[in-house]
Amino acid sequence: MTDRRALEDAIRKLDNELRALIDLGLKMSGPGWFEKFKARAAAYREQEPEREAKRQETDRFLPELLDLYMTGADDDRQWVRDLLRECPTFRWAFGWRIASPKPPVGAQDMIKALALLSMEDGGADPRDQQVLLDKLCAAARQSGLDLPPLLRQAAAWSSDEARFPPMRSTRALLLDYAERFAG
């Protein structure tokens, strides 16, 4: 049983740490902004190893969040989607190693990638979600996977809320793709 409170606290803490490492802390206007930007850019580059270490640290939550999302109840999945929406820097850093598998890919790896896409529920920009889904479908087809059942499984986990109208919900998008690749 997942201790949601402890998990949430740890993720929020990491989200704040990541945000501090990513935020340039600059307004890109006003006198001298370009010089300030160049000075901050050098410091930013020096922090890259620390940023990468924090990004990799997000993946320690991957097994627990995937398990909760894939085997939990609807309220568990909604909780994960809400948490990732409230922690956008964590969401950005999370799951890179499974988000876009390269062919050949097995069904289990593909379903994990689709679960991650479902969890992120459009992320900050649903166009990115669609580009990623296109890449996942191409990898699945190149790997000879039976794609429609995998897409329908991910759709069953997904939100039916259209977060970015007129874009469709994640569930509707996945079902559209399942229909497109059926038969």
N, C-alpha and C. Protein backbone atom coordinates (compact mmCIF):
# COMPACT_ATOMS: atom_id res chain seq x y z
N MET A 1 0.84 -1.19 0.00
CA MET A 1 0.00 0.00 0.00
C MET A 1 0.89 1.25 0.00
N THR A 2 0.62 2.12 -0.90
CA THR A 2 1.41 3.34 -1.05
C THR A 2 1.02 4.37 0.00
N ASP A 3 2.00 4.93 0.66
CA ASP A 3 1.78 6.04 1.59
C ASP A 3 1.76 7.32 0.75
N ARG A 4 0.56 7.73 0.36
CA ARG A 4 0.42 8.87 -0.54
C ARG A 4 1.06 10.13 0.03
N ARG A 5 0.88 10.37 1.32
CA ARG A 5 1.40 11.60 1.92
C ARG A 5 2.93 11.67 1.82
N ALA A 6 3.58 10.59 2.17
CA ALA A 6 5.05 10.55 2.11
C ALA A 6 5.52 10.68 0.66
N LEU A 7 4.85 10.00 -0.25
CA LEU A 7 5.19 10.06 -1.66
C LEU A 7 5.01 11.49 -2.18
N GLU A 8 3.90 12.08 -1.86
CA GLU A 8 3.63 13.46 -2.30
C GLU A 8 4.66 14.43 -1.74
N ASP A 9 4.97 14.32 -0.46
CA ASP A 9 5.96 15.21 0.16
C ASP A 9 7.31 15.09 -0.53
N ALA A 10 7.74 13.87 -0.81
CA ALA A 10 9.04 13.64 -1.46
C ALA A 10 9.04 14.21 -2.88
N ILE A 11 7.95 14.02 -3.60
CA ILE A 11 7.87 14.52 -4.97
C ILE A 11 7.83 16.04 -4.98
N ARG A 12 7.06 16.64 -4.09
CA ARG A 12 7.00 18.11 -4.03
C ARG A 12 8.37 18.70 -3.67
N LYS A 13 9.07 18.05 -2.77
CA LYS A 13 10.42 18.52 -2.38
C LYS A 13 11.35 18.48 -3.59
N LEU A 14 11.33 17.38 -4.31
CA LEU A 14 12.17 17.24 -5.49
C LEU A 14 11.76 18.23 -6.58
N ASP A 15 10.47 18.47 -6.74
CA ASP A 15 9.98 19.46 -7.71
C ASP A 15 10.56 20.83 -7.40
N ASN A 16 10.56 21.22 -6.13
CA ASN A 16 11.13 22.51 -5.73
C ASN A 16 12.63 22.57 -5.97
N GLU A 17 13.33 21.49 -5.67
CA GLU A 17 14.78 21.46 -5.90
C GLU A 17 15.10 21.57 -7.39
N LEU A 18 14.35 20.85 -8.21
CA LEU A 18 14.55 20.92 -9.65
C LEU A 18 14.24 22.31 -10.19
N ARG A 19 13.15 22.90 -9.72
CA ARG A 19 12.77 24.23 -10.18
C ARG A 19 13.87 25.24 -9.88
N ALA A 20 14.47 25.15 -8.71
CA ALA A 20 15.56 26.06 -8.34
C ALA A 20 16.76 25.89 -9.26
N LEU A 21 16.99 24.68 -9.74
CA LEU A 21 18.12 24.43 -10.64
C LEU A 21 17.84 24.82 -12.08
N ILE A 22 16.58 24.89 -12.44
CA ILE A 22 16.20 25.17 -13.82
C ILE A 22 15.89 26.64 -14.04
N ASP A 23 15.35 27.29 -13.03
CA ASP A 23 14.94 28.69 -13.14
C ASP A 23 16.16 29.59 -13.28
N LEU A 24 16.19 30.34 -14.36
CA LEU A 24 17.29 31.28 -14.56
C LEU A 24 17.17 32.49 -13.64
N GLY A 25 15.98 32.75 -13.11
CA GLY A 25 15.79 33.87 -12.21
C GLY A 25 15.96 35.22 -12.89
N LEU A 26 15.67 35.28 -14.17
CA LEU A 26 15.85 36.51 -14.93
C LEU A 26 14.59 36.90 -15.66
N LYS A 27 14.41 38.19 -15.78
CA LYS A 27 13.37 38.74 -16.63
C LYS A 27 14.05 39.14 -17.93
N MET A 28 13.56 38.66 -19.03
CA MET A 28 14.21 38.88 -20.33
C MET A 28 13.79 40.21 -20.93
N SER A 29 13.88 41.26 -20.13
CA SER A 29 13.60 42.61 -20.62
C SER A 29 14.27 43.60 -19.68
N GLY A 30 14.26 44.84 -20.09
CA GLY A 30 14.86 45.88 -19.27
C GLY A 30 16.32 46.07 -19.58
N PRO A 31 16.89 47.11 -19.01
CA PRO A 31 18.29 47.42 -19.30
C PRO A 31 19.23 46.34 -18.76
N GLY A 32 20.18 45.98 -19.59
CA GLY A 32 21.21 45.03 -19.18
C GLY A 32 20.76 43.58 -19.08
N TRP A 33 19.57 43.25 -19.58
CA TRP A 33 19.07 41.88 -19.43
C TRP A 33 19.97 40.88 -20.15
N PHE A 34 20.50 41.24 -21.32
CA PHE A 34 21.30 40.30 -22.07
C PHE A 34 22.60 39.97 -21.34
N GLU A 35 23.24 40.95 -20.75
CA GLU A 35 24.48 40.71 -20.00
C GLU A 35 24.19 39.83 -18.78
N LYS A 36 23.08 40.12 -18.12
CA LYS A 36 22.67 39.30 -16.97
C LYS A 36 22.42 37.85 -17.42
N PHE A 37 21.77 37.72 -18.56
CA PHE A 37 21.48 36.39 -19.10
C PHE A 37 22.77 35.63 -19.39
N LYS A 38 23.72 36.28 -20.05
CA LYS A 38 24.99 35.62 -20.37
C LYS A 38 25.72 35.19 -19.10
N ALA A 39 25.72 36.05 -18.08
CA ALA A 39 26.37 35.70 -16.82
C ALA A 39 25.66 34.53 -16.15
N ARG A 40 24.35 34.54 -16.16
CA ARG A 40 23.58 33.45 -15.53
C ARG A 40 23.72 32.17 -16.34
N ALA A 41 23.84 32.28 -17.65
CA ALA A 41 23.95 31.10 -18.51
C ALA A 41 25.20 30.29 -18.17
N ALA A 42 26.30 30.97 -17.87
CA ALA A 42 27.52 30.26 -17.51
C ALA A 42 27.32 29.47 -16.22
N ALA A 43 26.70 30.10 -15.24
CA ALA A 43 26.43 29.42 -13.97
C ALA A 43 25.46 28.25 -14.20
N TYR A 44 24.49 28.47 -15.07
CA TYR A 44 23.51 27.43 -15.39
C TYR A 44 24.21 26.20 -15.98
N ARG A 45 25.12 26.42 -16.91
CA ARG A 45 25.86 25.31 -17.51
C ARG A 45 26.67 24.55 -16.46
N GLU A 46 27.24 25.26 -15.53
CA GLU A 46 28.02 24.61 -14.47
C GLU A 46 27.16 23.73 -13.57
N GLN A 47 25.87 24.03 -13.50
CA GLN A 47 24.95 23.25 -12.66
C GLN A 47 24.40 22.02 -13.37
N GLU A 48 24.79 21.82 -14.62
CA GLU A 48 24.22 20.70 -15.39
C GLU A 48 24.39 19.35 -14.70
N PRO A 49 25.55 19.02 -14.14
CA PRO A 49 25.65 17.72 -13.46
C PRO A 49 24.67 17.59 -12.29
N GLU A 50 24.47 18.66 -11.55
CA GLU A 50 23.52 18.61 -10.44
C GLU A 50 22.09 18.48 -10.94
N ARG A 51 21.77 19.19 -12.04
CA ARG A 51 20.44 19.08 -12.63
C ARG A 51 20.19 17.67 -13.13
N GLU A 52 21.17 17.08 -13.79
CA GLU A 52 21.02 15.72 -14.31
C GLU A 52 20.86 14.72 -13.18
N ALA A 53 21.61 14.90 -12.10
CA ALA A 53 21.47 14.00 -10.95
C ALA A 53 20.06 14.09 -10.35
N LYS A 54 19.53 15.29 -10.25
CA LYS A 54 18.15 15.47 -9.73
C LYS A 54 17.14 14.86 -10.68
N ARG A 55 17.37 15.05 -11.99
CA ARG A 55 16.45 14.47 -12.97
C ARG A 55 16.42 12.96 -12.84
N GLN A 56 17.60 12.36 -12.69
CA GLN A 56 17.67 10.92 -12.52
C GLN A 56 17.03 10.48 -11.20
N GLU A 57 17.11 11.32 -10.20
CA GLU A 57 16.50 11.01 -8.91
C GLU A 57 14.97 10.87 -9.03
N THR A 58 14.38 11.60 -9.97
CA THR A 58 12.93 11.49 -10.14
C THR A 58 12.52 10.06 -10.50
N ASP A 59 13.42 9.35 -11.20
CA ASP A 59 13.08 8.01 -11.66
C ASP A 59 13.00 6.98 -10.53
N ARG A 60 13.49 7.32 -9.36
CA ARG A 60 13.34 6.38 -8.25
C ARG A 60 11.86 6.22 -7.87
N PHE A 61 11.03 7.19 -8.28
CA PHE A 61 9.59 7.13 -8.01
C PHE A 61 8.83 6.37 -9.08
N LEU A 62 9.53 6.05 -10.17
CA LEU A 62 8.88 5.41 -11.30
C LEU A 62 8.17 4.10 -10.96
N PRO A 63 8.83 3.14 -10.31
CA PRO A 63 8.13 1.88 -10.02
C PRO A 63 6.87 2.07 -9.18
N GLU A 64 6.97 2.89 -8.15
CA GLU A 64 5.82 3.08 -7.26
C GLU A 64 4.68 3.81 -7.96
N LEU A 65 4.99 4.86 -8.71
CA LEU A 65 3.92 5.60 -9.41
C LEU A 65 3.30 4.76 -10.52
N LEU A 66 4.12 4.02 -11.26
CA LEU A 66 3.57 3.16 -12.31
C LEU A 66 2.66 2.09 -11.70
N ASP A 67 3.10 1.47 -10.62
CA ASP A 67 2.29 0.45 -9.98
C ASP A 67 0.97 1.02 -9.49
N LEU A 68 1.03 2.15 -8.81
CA LEU A 68 -0.19 2.79 -8.32
C LEU A 68 -1.11 3.14 -9.47
N TYR A 69 -0.54 3.66 -10.54
CA TYR A 69 -1.35 4.09 -11.69
C TYR A 69 -1.94 2.91 -12.45
N MET A 70 -1.15 1.88 -12.65
CA MET A 70 -1.59 0.76 -13.49
C MET A 70 -2.45 -0.25 -12.74
N THR A 71 -2.28 -0.36 -11.43
CA THR A 71 -3.03 -1.37 -10.69
C THR A 71 -4.01 -0.78 -9.69
N GLY A 72 -3.94 0.54 -9.48
CA GLY A 72 -4.81 1.18 -8.51
C GLY A 72 -6.21 1.44 -9.05
N ALA A 73 -6.98 2.10 -8.23
CA ALA A 73 -8.35 2.47 -8.59
C ALA A 73 -8.35 3.81 -9.32
N ASP A 74 -9.51 4.20 -9.82
CA ASP A 74 -9.62 5.47 -10.54
C ASP A 74 -9.15 6.65 -9.68
N ASP A 75 -9.46 6.63 -8.38
CA ASP A 75 -9.04 7.76 -7.54
C ASP A 75 -7.52 7.79 -7.37
N ASP A 76 -6.86 6.64 -7.41
CA ASP A 76 -5.39 6.60 -7.37
C ASP A 76 -4.82 7.26 -8.63
N ARG A 77 -5.39 6.91 -9.77
CA ARG A 77 -4.91 7.49 -11.03
C ARG A 77 -5.15 8.99 -11.07
N GLN A 78 -6.30 9.42 -10.59
CA GLN A 78 -6.59 10.86 -10.57
C GLN A 78 -5.62 11.57 -9.64
N TRP A 79 -5.30 10.95 -8.52
CA TRP A 79 -4.35 11.53 -7.57
C TRP A 79 -2.97 11.71 -8.23
N VAL A 80 -2.53 10.69 -8.97
CA VAL A 80 -1.22 10.78 -9.66
C VAL A 80 -1.26 11.89 -10.70
N ARG A 81 -2.33 11.94 -11.50
CA ARG A 81 -2.42 13.00 -12.52
C ARG A 81 -2.42 14.38 -11.88
N ASP A 82 -3.17 14.55 -10.80
CA ASP A 82 -3.22 15.84 -10.10
C ASP A 82 -1.86 16.22 -9.54
N LEU A 83 -1.17 15.26 -8.93
CA LEU A 83 0.14 15.52 -8.35
C LEU A 83 1.13 15.95 -9.44
N LEU A 84 1.13 15.25 -10.57
CA LEU A 84 2.04 15.62 -11.65
C LEU A 84 1.68 16.97 -12.25
N ARG A 85 0.40 17.31 -12.28
CA ARG A 85 -0.02 18.62 -12.77
C ARG A 85 0.47 19.72 -11.83
N GLU A 86 0.44 19.45 -10.53
CA GLU A 86 0.86 20.43 -9.52
C GLU A 86 2.38 20.52 -9.39
N CYS A 87 3.09 19.55 -9.91
CA CYS A 87 4.56 19.51 -9.84
C CYS A 87 5.13 19.44 -11.26
N PRO A 88 4.99 20.52 -12.02
CA PRO A 88 5.36 20.46 -13.44
C PRO A 88 6.84 20.24 -13.72
N THR A 89 7.71 20.69 -12.84
CA THR A 89 9.13 20.48 -13.07
C THR A 89 9.48 19.02 -12.85
N PHE A 90 8.91 18.41 -11.83
CA PHE A 90 9.07 16.97 -11.61
C PHE A 90 8.52 16.21 -12.82
N ARG A 91 7.32 16.58 -13.26
CA ARG A 91 6.68 15.90 -14.40
C ARG A 91 7.58 15.98 -15.63
N TRP A 92 8.20 17.14 -15.87
CA TRP A 92 9.10 17.31 -17.01
C TRP A 92 10.31 16.37 -16.91
N ALA A 93 10.84 16.22 -15.71
CA ALA A 93 12.07 15.44 -15.51
C ALA A 93 11.83 13.95 -15.39
N PHE A 94 10.64 13.56 -15.07
CA PHE A 94 10.27 12.20 -14.69
C PHE A 94 10.12 11.27 -15.90
N GLY A 95 10.72 10.09 -15.80
CA GLY A 95 10.42 9.01 -16.72
C GLY A 95 11.07 9.05 -18.09
N TRP A 96 12.10 9.86 -18.26
CA TRP A 96 12.72 9.97 -19.57
C TRP A 96 13.18 8.63 -20.12
N ARG A 97 13.64 7.74 -19.27
CA ARG A 97 14.21 6.50 -19.79
C ARG A 97 13.15 5.54 -20.31
N ILE A 98 11.89 5.73 -19.95
CA ILE A 98 10.84 4.85 -20.49
C ILE A 98 9.88 5.58 -21.41
N ALA A 99 9.94 6.91 -21.47
CA ALA A 99 8.95 7.70 -22.19
C ALA A 99 8.93 7.45 -23.69
N SER A 100 10.06 7.15 -24.26
CA SER A 100 10.12 7.02 -25.71
C SER A 100 11.04 5.87 -26.09
N PRO A 101 10.57 4.63 -25.91
CA PRO A 101 11.41 3.47 -26.21
C PRO A 101 11.70 3.35 -27.70
N LYS A 102 12.88 2.85 -27.99
CA LYS A 102 13.29 2.64 -29.38
C LYS A 102 13.04 1.18 -29.78
N PRO A 103 12.63 0.97 -31.03
CA PRO A 103 12.42 -0.41 -31.48
C PRO A 103 13.72 -1.19 -31.48
N PRO A 104 13.69 -2.47 -31.23
CA PRO A 104 12.48 -3.22 -30.90
C PRO A 104 12.08 -3.01 -29.44
N VAL A 105 10.81 -2.90 -29.24
CA VAL A 105 10.27 -2.68 -27.90
C VAL A 105 9.25 -3.78 -27.61
N GLY A 106 9.25 -4.25 -26.38
CA GLY A 106 8.30 -5.28 -25.97
C GLY A 106 7.00 -4.66 -25.48
N ALA A 107 6.00 -5.48 -25.39
CA ALA A 107 4.67 -5.01 -24.97
C ALA A 107 4.70 -4.39 -23.57
N GLN A 108 5.46 -4.99 -22.64
CA GLN A 108 5.51 -4.45 -21.27
C GLN A 108 6.14 -3.07 -21.24
N ASP A 109 7.21 -2.87 -22.00
CA ASP A 109 7.84 -1.54 -22.04
C ASP A 109 6.92 -0.53 -22.71
N MET A 110 6.20 -0.96 -23.74
CA MET A 110 5.29 -0.05 -24.42
C MET A 110 4.13 0.34 -23.51
N ILE A 111 3.60 -0.60 -22.74
CA ILE A 111 2.47 -0.26 -21.87
C ILE A 111 2.93 0.69 -20.76
N LYS A 112 4.18 0.55 -20.30
CA LYS A 112 4.70 1.48 -19.30
C LYS A 112 4.82 2.88 -19.89
N ALA A 113 5.31 2.96 -21.13
CA ALA A 113 5.43 4.26 -21.79
C ALA A 113 4.05 4.90 -21.99
N LEU A 114 3.07 4.09 -22.37
CA LEU A 114 1.71 4.60 -22.54
C LEU A 114 1.10 5.00 -21.19
N ALA A 115 1.42 4.27 -20.13
CA ALA A 115 0.93 4.64 -18.80
C ALA A 115 1.51 5.98 -18.39
N LEU A 116 2.79 6.20 -18.67
CA LEU A 116 3.43 7.47 -18.35
C LEU A 116 2.76 8.61 -19.13
N LEU A 117 2.50 8.39 -20.41
CA LEU A 117 1.81 9.38 -21.22
C LEU A 117 0.44 9.69 -20.61
N SER A 118 -0.26 8.66 -20.18
CA SER A 118 -1.57 8.82 -19.56
C SER A 118 -1.48 9.61 -18.25
N MET A 119 -0.47 9.29 -17.44
CA MET A 119 -0.26 9.99 -16.16
C MET A 119 -0.06 11.48 -16.37
N GLU A 120 0.72 11.82 -17.39
CA GLU A 120 1.05 13.22 -17.62
C GLU A 120 -0.13 14.00 -18.17
N ASP A 121 -1.12 13.31 -18.73
CA ASP A 121 -2.42 13.90 -19.10
C ASP A 121 -2.28 15.19 -19.89
N GLY A 122 -1.48 15.17 -20.91
CA GLY A 122 -1.31 16.34 -21.75
C GLY A 122 -0.16 17.23 -21.33
N GLY A 123 0.37 17.00 -20.13
CA GLY A 123 1.50 17.80 -19.65
C GLY A 123 1.20 19.28 -19.70
N ALA A 124 2.18 20.05 -20.13
CA ALA A 124 2.02 21.50 -20.25
C ALA A 124 1.50 21.90 -21.63
N ASP A 125 1.60 20.98 -22.59
CA ASP A 125 1.23 21.29 -23.96
C ASP A 125 0.76 20.00 -24.64
N PRO A 126 -0.52 19.91 -24.99
CA PRO A 126 -1.03 18.67 -25.57
C PRO A 126 -0.42 18.34 -26.93
N ARG A 127 0.19 19.31 -27.57
CA ARG A 127 0.86 19.02 -28.85
C ARG A 127 2.06 18.11 -28.61
N ASP A 128 2.75 18.32 -27.49
CA ASP A 128 3.86 17.43 -27.14
C ASP A 128 3.35 16.01 -26.91
N GLN A 129 2.18 15.90 -26.27
CA GLN A 129 1.58 14.59 -26.02
C GLN A 129 1.31 13.88 -27.35
N GLN A 130 0.79 14.62 -28.30
CA GLN A 130 0.46 14.01 -29.59
C GLN A 130 1.73 13.58 -30.34
N VAL A 131 2.77 14.40 -30.30
CA VAL A 131 4.04 14.03 -30.94
C VAL A 131 4.60 12.76 -30.29
N LEU A 132 4.57 12.71 -28.95
CA LEU A 132 5.07 11.53 -28.26
C LEU A 132 4.23 10.30 -28.61
N LEU A 133 2.92 10.46 -28.66
CA LEU A 133 2.06 9.32 -29.00
C LEU A 133 2.36 8.83 -30.43
N ASP A 134 2.59 9.74 -31.33
CA ASP A 134 2.97 9.34 -32.70
C ASP A 134 4.26 8.51 -32.68
N LYS A 135 5.25 8.97 -31.90
CA LYS A 135 6.52 8.23 -31.80
C LYS A 135 6.31 6.86 -31.16
N LEU A 136 5.51 6.80 -30.12
CA LEU A 136 5.24 5.51 -29.46
C LEU A 136 4.56 4.55 -30.42
N CYS A 137 3.59 5.05 -31.16
CA CYS A 137 2.87 4.18 -32.11
C CYS A 137 3.81 3.69 -33.21
N ALA A 138 4.68 4.56 -33.69
CA ALA A 138 5.64 4.15 -34.72
C ALA A 138 6.57 3.07 -34.17
N ALA A 139 7.06 3.25 -32.93
CA ALA A 139 7.95 2.26 -32.32
C ALA A 139 7.23 0.93 -32.12
N ALA A 140 5.98 0.98 -31.69
CA ALA A 140 5.20 -0.24 -31.47
C ALA A 140 4.96 -0.98 -32.78
N ARG A 141 4.63 -0.24 -33.83
CA ARG A 141 4.37 -0.87 -35.11
C ARG A 141 5.65 -1.46 -35.71
N GLN A 142 6.77 -0.74 -35.57
CA GLN A 142 8.05 -1.26 -36.07
C GLN A 142 8.47 -2.51 -35.31
N SER A 143 7.98 -2.62 -34.07
CA SER A 143 8.32 -3.77 -33.24
C SER A 143 7.34 -4.92 -33.41
N GLY A 144 6.33 -4.72 -34.26
CA GLY A 144 5.36 -5.77 -34.52
C GLY A 144 4.35 -5.99 -33.41
N LEU A 145 4.15 -5.00 -32.56
CA LEU A 145 3.19 -5.15 -31.46
C LEU A 145 1.77 -4.95 -31.95
N ASP A 146 0.84 -5.63 -31.30
CA ASP A 146 -0.58 -5.43 -31.56
C ASP A 146 -0.98 -4.16 -30.80
N LEU A 147 -0.95 -3.05 -31.49
CA LEU A 147 -1.08 -1.73 -30.87
C LEU A 147 -2.47 -1.38 -30.33
N PRO A 148 -3.56 -1.67 -31.03
CA PRO A 148 -4.87 -1.23 -30.52
C PRO A 148 -5.19 -1.69 -29.09
N PRO A 149 -4.93 -2.95 -28.70
CA PRO A 149 -5.23 -3.32 -27.32
C PRO A 149 -4.39 -2.54 -26.29
N LEU A 150 -3.15 -2.24 -26.63
CA LEU A 150 -2.30 -1.47 -25.73
C LEU A 150 -2.84 -0.05 -25.57
N LEU A 151 -3.26 0.54 -26.67
CA LEU A 151 -3.84 1.89 -26.62
C LEU A 151 -5.15 1.91 -25.84
N ARG A 152 -5.97 0.88 -26.03
CA ARG A 152 -7.24 0.81 -25.28
C ARG A 152 -6.99 0.62 -23.79
N GLN A 153 -5.96 -0.17 -23.44
CA GLN A 153 -5.61 -0.34 -22.02
C GLN A 153 -5.21 1.00 -21.41
N ALA A 154 -4.34 1.74 -22.10
CA ALA A 154 -3.92 3.05 -21.61
C ALA A 154 -5.10 4.02 -21.54
N ALA A 155 -6.00 3.92 -22.50
CA ALA A 155 -7.19 4.78 -22.49
C ALA A 155 -8.06 4.50 -21.26
N ALA A 156 -8.14 3.23 -20.86
CA ALA A 156 -8.94 2.87 -19.69
C ALA A 156 -8.40 3.52 -18.42
N TRP A 157 -7.10 3.78 -18.37
CA TRP A 157 -6.50 4.44 -17.21
C TRP A 157 -6.63 5.96 -17.28
N SER A 158 -6.91 6.49 -18.45
CA SER A 158 -6.75 7.92 -18.72
C SER A 158 -7.96 8.75 -18.35
N SER A 159 -7.68 10.04 -18.22
CA SER A 159 -8.72 11.02 -17.91
C SER A 159 -9.59 11.28 -19.13
N ASP A 160 -10.86 11.52 -18.87
CA ASP A 160 -11.80 11.89 -19.93
C ASP A 160 -12.01 13.40 -19.97
N GLU A 161 -11.24 14.13 -19.16
CA GLU A 161 -11.34 15.59 -19.11
C GLU A 161 -10.50 16.19 -20.23
N ALA A 162 -11.13 17.03 -21.03
CA ALA A 162 -10.40 17.76 -22.08
C ALA A 162 -9.76 18.97 -21.41
N ARG A 163 -8.48 18.86 -21.09
CA ARG A 163 -7.79 19.92 -20.34
C ARG A 163 -7.43 21.12 -21.21
N PHE A 164 -7.33 20.92 -22.51
CA PHE A 164 -6.91 21.98 -23.42
C PHE A 164 -7.88 22.08 -24.60
N PRO A 165 -9.15 22.42 -24.34
CA PRO A 165 -10.08 22.51 -25.46
C PRO A 165 -9.54 23.47 -26.52
N PRO A 166 -9.71 23.18 -27.77
CA PRO A 166 -10.54 22.14 -28.36
C PRO A 166 -9.85 20.78 -28.48
N MET A 167 -8.64 20.64 -27.95
CA MET A 167 -7.97 19.33 -27.98
C MET A 167 -8.81 18.33 -27.17
N ARG A 168 -8.79 17.11 -27.61
CA ARG A 168 -9.56 16.06 -26.94
C ARG A 168 -8.85 15.60 -25.67
N SER A 169 -9.58 14.88 -24.84
CA SER A 169 -9.00 14.32 -23.62
C SER A 169 -7.97 13.25 -23.98
N THR A 170 -7.14 12.91 -23.00
CA THR A 170 -6.16 11.84 -23.22
C THR A 170 -6.86 10.54 -23.56
N ARG A 171 -7.95 10.23 -22.86
CA ARG A 171 -8.69 8.99 -23.15
C ARG A 171 -9.19 8.99 -24.59
N ALA A 172 -9.81 10.09 -25.01
CA ALA A 172 -10.35 10.16 -26.37
C ALA A 172 -9.23 10.06 -27.41
N LEU A 173 -8.12 10.72 -27.14
CA LEU A 173 -6.98 10.67 -28.06
C LEU A 173 -6.48 9.23 -28.23
N LEU A 174 -6.31 8.53 -27.11
CA LEU A 174 -5.83 7.15 -27.18
C LEU A 174 -6.83 6.25 -27.89
N LEU A 175 -8.10 6.45 -27.65
CA LEU A 175 -9.12 5.65 -28.34
C LEU A 175 -9.16 5.96 -29.83
N ASP A 176 -8.96 7.23 -30.19
CA ASP A 176 -8.88 7.59 -31.61
C ASP A 176 -7.72 6.85 -32.29
N TYR A 177 -6.58 6.82 -31.63
CA TYR A 177 -5.41 6.12 -32.18
C TYR A 177 -5.66 4.61 -32.26
N ALA A 178 -6.30 4.05 -31.25
CA ALA A 178 -6.62 2.62 -31.28
C ALA A 178 -7.51 2.29 -32.49
N GLU A 179 -8.47 3.16 -32.75
CA GLU A 179 -9.37 2.95 -33.90
C GLU A 179 -8.59 3.08 -35.21
N ARG A 180 -7.70 4.07 -35.26
CA ARG A 180 -6.91 4.31 -36.47
C ARG A 180 -6.07 3.08 -36.83
N PHE A 181 -5.51 2.41 -35.80
CA PHE A 181 -4.61 1.28 -36.07
C PHE A 181 -5.31 -0.08 -36.01
N ALA A 182 -6.61 -0.10 -35.78
CA ALA A 182 -7.35 -1.36 -35.76
C ALA A 182 -7.52 -1.89 -37.17
N GLY A 183 -7.47 -3.21 -37.28
CA GLY A 183 -7.75 -3.89 -38.53
C GLY A 183 -6.85 -3.53 -39.60
